[in-house]
Each structure stands twice: as C-alpha cells, then as structure tokens.
Amino acid sequence: MTRKYIDCREFPSEMNCTVAISADSDAELLEAAVQHAVSVHRHSDSPELRAQLSQLFHEGSPPVASPRAA
C-alpha cells in the first residue's frame, strides 16, 4: 500500500491555505479532502468535485516545503 497525499499549497487561494492531507487509501484521502474543500474552501460536495480532487493525488508524503516556493 502506497501512501498518497493532496496539498492545498499547490494552488493559489485567497486564504493561502497551507493544509496537506495524506492517507493510506484513496477512499480515506478523498473523504478527508472533500471535507476540507467543503468546510474550508466552501465548495459543494459533488461527483465533479470528487473527480477533480482524485486527479490531484500524489504518491508518497507531502513535502515539508511549500510546492509553490519551489
């Protein structure tokens, strides 16, 4: 099983979100990412949002430094 993550720091936003979420399964990561997107970024939970978020998953663990700074 490969750990996966999604990192808000990759995407500019008004709030400059610095959250990165990781999990051991796609399903667990997707649920956490959807909850974050809905509660923090005010997106609506939809099949389209879930599909978009799933495509942003990376293998491994999030880097310590912001990907935008690189």
PDB file of N, CA and C in Angstrom:
ATOM      1  N   MET A   1       0.852  -1.172   0.000  1.00  0.00           N
ATOM      2  CA  MET A   1       0.000   0.000   0.000  1.00  0.00           C
ATOM      3  C   MET A   1       0.907   1.247   0.000  1.00  0.00           C
ATOM      4  N   THR A   2       0.668   2.137  -0.913  1.00  0.00           N
ATOM      5  CA  THR A   2       1.447   3.362  -1.028  1.00  0.00           C
ATOM      6  C   THR A   2       0.672   4.533  -0.440  1.00  0.00           C
ATOM      7  N   ARG A   3       1.324   5.270   0.416  1.00  0.00           N
ATOM      8  CA  ARG A   3       0.698   6.462   0.997  1.00  0.00           C
ATOM      9  C   ARG A   3       0.489   7.496  -0.101  1.00  0.00           C
ATOM     10  N   LYS A   4      -0.602   8.243  -0.025  1.00  0.00           N
ATOM     11  CA  LYS A   4      -0.915   9.281  -1.002  1.00  0.00           C
ATOM     12  C   LYS A   4      -1.258  10.564  -0.273  1.00  0.00           C
ATOM     13  N   TYR A   5      -1.156  11.691  -1.004  1.00  0.00           N
ATOM     14  CA  TYR A   5      -1.468  12.979  -0.389  1.00  0.00           C
ATOM     15  C   TYR A   5      -2.036  13.936  -1.417  1.00  0.00           C
ATOM     16  N   ILE A   6      -2.656  14.990  -0.888  1.00  0.00           N
ATOM     17  CA  ILE A   6      -3.123  16.122  -1.680  1.00  0.00           C
ATOM     18  C   ILE A   6      -2.694  17.365  -0.894  1.00  0.00           C
ATOM     19  N   ASP A   7      -2.252  18.394  -1.597  1.00  0.00           N
ATOM     20  CA  ASP A   7      -1.612  19.532  -0.944  1.00  0.00           C
ATOM     21  C   ASP A   7      -2.212  20.840  -1.449  1.00  0.00           C
ATOM     22  N   CYS A   8      -2.918  21.554  -0.585  1.00  0.00           N
ATOM     23  CA  CYS A   8      -3.533  22.828  -0.964  1.00  0.00           C
ATOM     24  C   CYS A   8      -2.496  23.883  -1.330  1.00  0.00           C
ATOM     25  N   ARG A   9      -1.282  23.726  -0.838  1.00  0.00           N
ATOM     26  CA  ARG A   9      -0.244  24.718  -1.119  1.00  0.00           C
ATOM     27  C   ARG A   9       0.102  24.782  -2.604  1.00  0.00           C
ATOM     28  N   GLU A  10      -0.293  23.778  -3.367  1.00  0.00           N
ATOM     29  CA  GLU A  10      -0.028  23.773  -4.808  1.00  0.00           C
ATOM     30  C   GLU A  10      -0.911  24.752  -5.572  1.00  0.00           C
ATOM     31  N   PHE A  11      -1.980  25.222  -4.929  1.00  0.00           N
ATOM     32  CA  PHE A  11      -2.975  26.025  -5.623  1.00  0.00           C
ATOM     33  C   PHE A  11      -3.178  27.364  -4.933  1.00  0.00           C
ATOM     34  N   PRO A  12      -2.945  28.454  -5.619  1.00  0.00           N
ATOM     35  CA  PRO A  12      -3.156  29.767  -5.005  1.00  0.00           C
ATOM     36  C   PRO A  12      -4.613  29.944  -4.591  1.00  0.00           C
ATOM     37  N   SER A  13      -4.816  30.558  -3.441  1.00  0.00           N
ATOM     38  CA  SER A  13      -6.172  30.861  -2.987  1.00  0.00           C
ATOM     39  C   SER A  13      -6.126  32.145  -2.171  1.00  0.00           C
ATOM     40  N   GLU A  14      -7.276  32.734  -1.985  1.00  0.00           N
ATOM     41  CA  GLU A  14      -7.358  33.972  -1.214  1.00  0.00           C
ATOM     42  C   GLU A  14      -6.885  33.771   0.219  1.00  0.00           C
ATOM     43  N   MET A  15      -7.100  32.579   0.754  1.00  0.00           N
ATOM     44  CA  MET A  15      -6.745  32.330   2.156  1.00  0.00           C
ATOM     45  C   MET A  15      -5.332  31.768   2.317  1.00  0.00           C
ATOM     46  N   ASN A  16      -4.620  31.548   1.209  1.00  0.00           N
ATOM     47  CA  ASN A  16      -3.270  30.986   1.272  1.00  0.00           C
ATOM     48  C   ASN A  16      -3.225  29.736   2.141  1.00  0.00           C
ATOM     49  N   CYS A  17      -4.105  28.806   1.858  1.00  0.00           N
ATOM     50  CA  CYS A  17      -4.235  27.569   2.616  1.00  0.00           C
ATOM     51  C   CYS A  17      -2.917  26.791   2.591  1.00  0.00           C
ATOM     52  N   THR A  18      -2.508  26.296   3.749  1.00  0.00           N
ATOM     53  CA  THR A  18      -1.261  25.546   3.855  1.00  0.00           C
ATOM     54  C   THR A  18      -1.498  24.092   4.273  1.00  0.00           C
ATOM     55  N   VAL A  19      -2.705  23.602   4.103  1.00  0.00           N
ATOM     56  CA  VAL A  19      -3.046  22.247   4.512  1.00  0.00           C
ATOM     57  C   VAL A  19      -2.594  21.230   3.474  1.00  0.00           C
ATOM     58  N   ALA A  20      -1.992  20.154   3.979  1.00  0.00           N
ATOM     59  CA  ALA A  20      -1.681  18.983   3.164  1.00  0.00           C
ATOM     60  C   ALA A  20      -2.265  17.783   3.909  1.00  0.00           C
ATOM     61  N   ILE A  21      -2.930  16.893   3.191  1.00  0.00           N
ATOM     62  CA  ILE A  21      -3.605  15.750   3.796  1.00  0.00           C
ATOM     63  C   ILE A  21      -3.028  14.484   3.179  1.00  0.00           C
ATOM     64  N   SER A  22      -2.748  13.484   4.014  1.00  0.00           N
ATOM     65  CA  SER A  22      -2.253  12.215   3.488  1.00  0.00           C
ATOM     66  C   SER A  22      -3.009  11.059   4.129  1.00  0.00           C
ATOM     67  N   ALA A  23      -3.026   9.930   3.423  1.00  0.00           N
ATOM     68  CA  ALA A  23      -3.722   8.736   3.909  1.00  0.00           C
ATOM     69  C   ALA A  23      -3.171   7.513   3.194  1.00  0.00           C
ATOM     70  N   ASP A  24      -3.506   6.346   3.727  1.00  0.00           N
ATOM     71  CA  ASP A  24      -3.038   5.095   3.140  1.00  0.00           C
ATOM     72  C   ASP A  24      -3.962   4.545   2.054  1.00  0.00           C
ATOM     73  N   SER A  25      -5.165   5.118   1.937  1.00  0.00           N
ATOM     74  CA  SER A  25      -6.069   4.638   0.888  1.00  0.00           C
ATOM     75  C   SER A  25      -6.679   5.810   0.140  1.00  0.00           C
ATOM     76  N   ASP A  26      -6.993   5.587  -1.123  1.00  0.00           N
ATOM     77  CA  ASP A  26      -7.633   6.621  -1.931  1.00  0.00           C
ATOM     78  C   ASP A  26      -8.970   7.047  -1.324  1.00  0.00           C
ATOM     79  N   ALA A  27      -9.738   6.082  -0.842  1.00  0.00           N
ATOM     80  CA  ALA A  27     -11.064   6.394  -0.300  1.00  0.00           C
ATOM     81  C   ALA A  27     -10.961   7.284   0.931  1.00  0.00           C
ATOM     82  N   GLU A  28     -10.027   6.980   1.815  1.00  0.00           N
ATOM     83  CA  GLU A  28      -9.861   7.777   3.028  1.00  0.00           C
ATOM     84  C   GLU A  28      -9.362   9.181   2.692  1.00  0.00           C
ATOM     85  N   LEU A  29      -8.417   9.261   1.764  1.00  0.00           N
ATOM     86  CA  LEU A  29      -7.891  10.561   1.349  1.00  0.00           C
ATOM     87  C   LEU A  29      -8.978  11.393   0.693  1.00  0.00           C
ATOM     88  N   LEU A  30      -9.773  10.768  -0.154  1.00  0.00           N
ATOM     89  CA  LEU A  30     -10.831  11.502  -0.836  1.00  0.00           C
ATOM     90  C   LEU A  30     -11.836  12.062   0.160  1.00  0.00           C
ATOM     91  N   GLU A  31     -12.243  11.277   1.138  1.00  0.00           N
ATOM     92  CA  GLU A  31     -13.214  11.761   2.121  1.00  0.00           C
ATOM     93  C   GLU A  31     -12.657  12.936   2.907  1.00  0.00           C
ATOM     94  N   ALA A  32     -11.411  12.859   3.323  1.00  0.00           N
ATOM     95  CA  ALA A  32     -10.794  13.954   4.068  1.00  0.00           C
ATOM     96  C   ALA A  32     -10.653  15.198   3.197  1.00  0.00           C
ATOM     97  N   ALA A  33     -10.258  15.010   1.939  1.00  0.00           N
ATOM     98  CA  ALA A  33     -10.084  16.143   1.027  1.00  0.00           C
ATOM     99  C   ALA A  33     -11.422  16.812   0.722  1.00  0.00           C
ATOM    100  N   VAL A  34     -12.466  16.028   0.547  1.00  0.00           N
ATOM    101  CA  VAL A  34     -13.802  16.596   0.291  1.00  0.00           C
ATOM    102  C   VAL A  34     -14.265  17.386   1.512  1.00  0.00           C
ATOM    103  N   GLN A  35     -14.094  16.820   2.701  1.00  0.00           N
ATOM    104  CA  GLN A  35     -14.497  17.529   3.915  1.00  0.00           C
ATOM    105  C   GLN A  35     -13.761  18.865   4.026  1.00  0.00           C
ATOM    106  N   HIS A  36     -12.478  18.868   3.723  1.00  0.00           N
ATOM    107  CA  HIS A  36     -11.695  20.103   3.778  1.00  0.00           C
ATOM    108  C   HIS A  36     -12.189  21.098   2.727  1.00  0.00           C
ATOM    109  N   ALA A  37     -12.375  20.634   1.500  1.00  0.00           N
ATOM    110  CA  ALA A  37     -12.809  21.527   0.417  1.00  0.00           C
ATOM    111  C   ALA A  37     -14.168  22.152   0.717  1.00  0.00           C
ATOM    112  N   VAL A  38     -15.057  21.384   1.310  1.00  0.00           N
ATOM    113  CA  VAL A  38     -16.403  21.880   1.621  1.00  0.00           C
ATOM    114  C   VAL A  38     -16.374  22.830   2.821  1.00  0.00           C
ATOM    115  N   SER A  39     -15.725  22.427   3.897  1.00  0.00           N
ATOM    116  CA  SER A  39     -15.780  23.229   5.125  1.00  0.00           C
ATOM    117  C   SER A  39     -14.876  24.458   5.086  1.00  0.00           C
ATOM    118  N   VAL A  40     -13.733  24.357   4.439  1.00  0.00           N
ATOM    119  CA  VAL A  40     -12.791  25.478   4.445  1.00  0.00           C
ATOM    120  C   VAL A  40     -12.914  26.338   3.190  1.00  0.00           C
ATOM    121  N   HIS A  41     -13.001  25.695   2.033  1.00  0.00           N
ATOM    122  CA  HIS A  41     -12.993  26.435   0.769  1.00  0.00           C
ATOM    123  C   HIS A  41     -14.392  26.671   0.199  1.00  0.00           C
ATOM    124  N   ARG A  42     -15.395  26.200   0.913  1.00  0.00           N
ATOM    125  CA  ARG A  42     -16.804  26.445   0.564  1.00  0.00           C
ATOM    126  C   ARG A  42     -17.228  25.860  -0.789  1.00  0.00           C
ATOM    127  N   HIS A  43     -16.591  24.755  -1.201  1.00  0.00           N
ATOM    128  CA  HIS A  43     -17.036  24.052  -2.402  1.00  0.00           C
ATOM    129  C   HIS A  43     -18.262  23.218  -2.046  1.00  0.00           C
ATOM    130  N   SER A  44     -19.013  22.825  -3.038  1.00  0.00           N
ATOM    131  CA  SER A  44     -20.137  21.924  -2.837  1.00  0.00           C
ATOM    132  C   SER A  44     -19.677  20.502  -3.117  1.00  0.00           C
ATOM    133  N   ASP A  45     -20.072  19.574  -2.247  1.00  0.00           N
ATOM    134  CA  ASP A  45     -19.740  18.168  -2.460  1.00  0.00           C
ATOM    135  C   ASP A  45     -20.528  17.672  -3.668  1.00  0.00           C
ATOM    136  N   SER A  46     -19.822  17.259  -4.681  1.00  0.00           N
ATOM    137  CA  SER A  46     -20.461  16.783  -5.911  1.00  0.00           C
ATOM    138  C   SER A  46     -19.564  15.730  -6.552  1.00  0.00           C
ATOM    139  N   PRO A  47     -20.120  14.946  -7.457  1.00  0.00           N
ATOM    140  CA  PRO A  47     -19.286  13.979  -8.176  1.00  0.00           C
ATOM    141  C   PRO A  47     -18.144  14.666  -8.934  1.00  0.00           C
ATOM    142  N   GLU A  48     -18.404  15.861  -9.448  1.00  0.00           N
ATOM    143  CA  GLU A  48     -17.370  16.598 -10.188  1.00  0.00           C
ATOM    144  C   GLU A  48     -16.219  16.996  -9.268  1.00  0.00           C
ATOM    145  N   LEU A  49     -16.550  17.505  -8.072  1.00  0.00           N
ATOM    146  CA  LEU A  49     -15.512  17.869  -7.106  1.00  0.00           C
ATOM    147  C   LEU A  49     -14.685  16.643  -6.737  1.00  0.00           C
ATOM    148  N   ARG A  50     -15.340  15.529  -6.459  1.00  0.00           N
ATOM    149  CA  ARG A  50     -14.639  14.303  -6.087  1.00  0.00           C
ATOM    150  C   ARG A  50     -13.718  13.829  -7.212  1.00  0.00           C
ATOM    151  N   ALA A  51     -14.172  13.925  -8.441  1.00  0.00           N
ATOM    152  CA  ALA A  51     -13.335  13.521  -9.579  1.00  0.00           C
ATOM    153  C   ALA A  51     -12.125  14.439  -9.709  1.00  0.00           C
ATOM    154  N   GLN A  52     -12.343  15.741  -9.552  1.00  0.00           N
ATOM    155  CA  GLN A  52     -11.235  16.698  -9.645  1.00  0.00           C
ATOM    156  C   GLN A  52     -10.212  16.457  -8.543  1.00  0.00           C
ATOM    157  N   LEU A  53     -10.678  16.281  -7.318  1.00  0.00           N
ATOM    158  CA  LEU A  53      -9.759  16.056  -6.209  1.00  0.00           C
ATOM    159  C   LEU A  53      -8.965  14.768  -6.404  1.00  0.00           C
ATOM    160  N   SER A  54      -9.616  13.720  -6.856  1.00  0.00           N
ATOM    161  CA  SER A  54      -8.931  12.437  -7.068  1.00  0.00           C
ATOM    162  C   SER A  54      -7.778  12.567  -8.052  1.00  0.00           C
ATOM    163  N   GLN A  55      -7.917  13.431  -9.031  1.00  0.00           N
ATOM    164  CA  GLN A  55      -6.859  13.605 -10.026  1.00  0.00           C
ATOM    165  C   GLN A  55      -5.664  14.383  -9.468  1.00  0.00           C
ATOM    166  N   LEU A  56      -5.807  14.979  -8.294  1.00  0.00           N
ATOM    167  CA  LEU A  56      -4.736  15.774  -7.695  1.00  0.00           C
ATOM    168  C   LEU A  56      -3.912  14.997  -6.674  1.00  0.00           C
ATOM    169  N   PHE A  57      -4.231  13.707  -6.489  1.00  0.00           N
ATOM    170  CA  PHE A  57      -3.498  12.881  -5.534  1.00  0.00           C
ATOM    171  C   PHE A  57      -2.086  12.620  -6.036  1.00  0.00           C
ATOM    172  N   HIS A  58      -1.140  12.589  -5.110  1.00  0.00           N
ATOM    173  CA  HIS A  58       0.255  12.252  -5.393  1.00  0.00           C
ATOM    174  C   HIS A  58       0.637  11.052  -4.536  1.00  0.00           C
ATOM    175  N   GLU A  59       1.577  10.251  -5.005  1.00  0.00           N
ATOM    176  CA  GLU A  59       2.091   9.153  -4.191  1.00  0.00           C
ATOM    177  C   GLU A  59       3.156   9.680  -3.249  1.00  0.00           C
ATOM    178  N   GLY A  60       3.226   9.097  -2.063  1.00  0.00           N
ATOM    179  CA  GLY A  60       4.220   9.481  -1.080  1.00  0.00           C
ATOM    180  C   GLY A  60       3.619  10.353   0.001  1.00  0.00           C
ATOM    181  N   SER A  61       4.464  11.166   0.607  1.00  0.00           N
ATOM    182  CA  SER A  61       4.048  12.086   1.663  1.00  0.00           C
ATOM    183  C   SER A  61       4.279  13.513   1.192  1.00  0.00           C
ATOM    184  N   PRO A  62       3.508  14.457   1.693  1.00  0.00           N
ATOM    185  CA  PRO A  62       3.675  15.841   1.254  1.00  0.00           C
ATOM    186  C   PRO A  62       5.058  16.367   1.631  1.00  0.00           C
ATOM    187  N   PRO A  63       5.625  17.210   0.785  1.00  0.00           N
ATOM    188  CA  PRO A  63       6.923  17.800   1.120  1.00  0.00           C
ATOM    189  C   PRO A  63       6.779  18.782   2.286  1.00  0.00           C
ATOM    190  N   VAL A  64       7.860  18.968   3.019  1.00  0.00           N
ATOM    191  CA  VAL A  64       7.849  19.919   4.138  1.00  0.00           C
ATOM    192  C   VAL A  64       7.745  21.339   3.596  1.00  0.00           C
ATOM    193  N   ALA A  65       8.519  21.656   2.570  1.00  0.00           N
ATOM    194  CA  ALA A  65       8.495  22.989   1.967  1.00  0.00           C
ATOM    195  C   ALA A  65       7.294  23.103   1.032  1.00  0.00           C
ATOM    196  N   SER A  66       6.774  24.291   0.927  1.00  0.00           N
ATOM    197  CA  SER A  66       5.645  24.547   0.031  1.00  0.00           C
ATOM    198  C   SER A  66       6.034  24.279  -1.415  1.00  0.00           C
ATOM    199  N   PRO A  67       5.208  23.525  -2.153  1.00  0.00           N
ATOM    200  CA  PRO A  67       5.477  23.284  -3.567  1.00  0.00           C
ATOM    201  C   PRO A  67       5.503  24.572  -4.374  1.00  0.00           C
ATOM    202  N   ARG A  68       4.769  25.599  -3.935  1.00  0.00           N
ATOM    203  CA  ARG A  68       4.755  26.879  -4.653  1.00  0.00           C
ATOM    204  C   ARG A  68       6.080  27.623  -4.505  1.00  0.00           C
ATOM    205  N   ALA A  69       6.795  27.347  -3.436  1.00  0.00           N
ATOM    206  CA  ALA A  69       8.078  28.034  -3.215  1.00  0.00           C
ATOM    207  C   ALA A  69       9.176  27.445  -4.077  1.00  0.00           C
ATOM    208  N   ALA A  70       8.958  26.241  -4.563  1.00  0.00           N
ATOM    209  CA  ALA A  70       9.992  25.556  -5.353  1.00  0.00           C
ATOM    210  C   ALA A  70      10.089  26.089  -6.763  1.00  0.00           C
TER     211      ALA A  70
END
